[in-house]
Each structure stands twice: as C-alpha cells, then as structure tokens.
Amino acid sequence: MEYKTLSNQVKIPVLGFGVFQMQEAGEAKQAVFEAIKAGYRLIDTAASYGNEREVGQGIAAAISDGLVKREDLFVTSKMWVADVAPDKAAAAIDASLARLQLDYLDLYLIHQPYNDVFSAWRAMEEAYRLGKLRSIGVSNFDIAQLTNLAEFSEIKPMLNQIEVNPFQQNQKDAEYFEQYGVQVEAWAPFAEGKNGLFENPILQKIAESHQKSIAQVILRWLVQRDIVVLAKSNKSERMQQNLAVLDFDLSMDEMQKIQQLNTGKSMFFDHADPKMIQWMAGREIQY
C-alpha cells in the first residue's frame, strides 16, 4: 500500500474502502471484514450511512482473527447535518466512536457544508486535541466554503472528500485546496456506472493496453493525480482487483485523454441547489 501524508503528518492509505448504501443486515460487517482481509487499511463510513455499528463489528472481527491490529487501520466517519450544531456536535463524535467500538478515529469529517459549521469544527478541534480524532476535515466543501473555514479556524481542514470521477474531475478545486495543505479524497470514482462509464471507448482502449479493467484505470488515474480514492464492492475478487492498481502507470497521453472526458458537472446532484439543502436539513437518520 502507498500512503499520502496529511498536513499534521498522519499517513493515510491512497486506496480506501467505502460502505455507502450497505444497509442490509450483516452486509457492512461482512464487507468490511473481507475488505481488510483483501488488504484494505482505510475504511470509510458515516453516521448518515446507518451502518457504523456493523462497520465496527467487521473491524472487531478482523482484529479478533489476527488479520490486523487497530493501529494498522485508518478509520473514517462523518458528522451528519443535523448534528452540525453547538449543542450536538461533541455528542455526535462520541456517538460515532461508541457505535464503531473505537477509542479514536483516524479521520472525522463534516459530511456536508451546512448548519453551524464553525460550532461543529470547534468541537472537532477539541476532540482532536483530546486524541479522540487523529485528523479532521470536511466533505463536499467547495472553494469558498473551504476558504472560509480555513481562514477563520485555528486548525485548518486536513482533507476534503469530494466527488471525483472521469466526468466530474474537479481539477480546479483540487489544485486550489493544495495551497491550504488539504488532501483531496474522491468519492464515487466510478460515478456508479453512469454516463456509460464502463463502456466508454477511451477508457476501454487504455484498459486493454495495460491488461487492466476500466475500474483499475480510473483508480490509477486518481492515484496519479495524488488523490486518495474510495471504492466499494461486496465481492472479494473485485476488492482485490481494486487494490491492484499500484503496479502500472498511465502515460501523459493517457492522462490527457481521460481529462478530455470531463463535463464539469456532478453525476449526482448540485450541492448548491436550495432544494437539496432543504432535503438534507429535514432528513432524519436512523443511527
């Protein structure tokens, strides 16, 4: 495994395993166990996914079976919008730790840039100082939102998890975040297969030239952009394939061809859409 170093010198694996939409009974627990067995060391969940307890059970099972030690893992979770408030943020951190059965998290993020972000960030700074959180960051923050938080906080965000895939490459944002020492982490690298991603002729040709899959080419493309990337799968064989992307390089020409696929638009939704913000504000999470 290769690693990136965050601004506070904490090392994060470049390849991570995500558990979004794993909500069937036992699904997340088994997937996390199999992911760790396959070689993943970065596990990413969130309070809003409703599976922190199962993720914790999967981690505990892997440790109990001797696959890893706790210090070998890099575990991430995120604070949901409803808890981004002065009277809820600190409790939300402790609740995630309790559900995951962990004494500390390697990374904790504000999941969306809404509600009282500064109050939540102050609670995260305090938890960071207490050792409950080894590193802190944000998710889905744009340039203006990240700048606002960084300029008016004692501790600057160490990572921003955003959508990055061949159709929404977010190159401008990623380059800007570098000036604040913010590591970019990609969610939805495969865009959930939208826009015909797995049949794309440009990606297919590049994949064939390296005897790799399109998924492996995309993961390699992100790694070469110095972006940490999260992938999801329930199949152990696919997990292993998604990890096997550190043994080849894409040429400059291939990188440029992938760059030409960029549409500059999200494959999911616009975070600036007032209706989406209203939906998030009213969403109730079953923790």
Foldseek 3Di string as FASTA:
>chain_A
DDWDAWPVRDTDDLEAAEDAPQDPPLQLLLQLLLLLLLPHQEYEEELQSVCLLSNLNNVVVCVVVVSDPPVSHAYEYEDAQVQQDLVRLLVSLVVSCVSSVHQAHAEYEHEALDDNNQSNVVSVVVCCVVRRYVFYAYEPDFPVSQCVNQVPDPDHHREYEYADELAAHCPVRCVSCVVVRYAYEHDPHCLVCPPVQQVDPLLCVQCVVVVAGSLLVSSQLCVVVVYRYYDYDSDSVVSNSNVPNPPDHDDPVSNVVSNVNYPNDRSPDDSPDPVVVVCSNPDDGDD
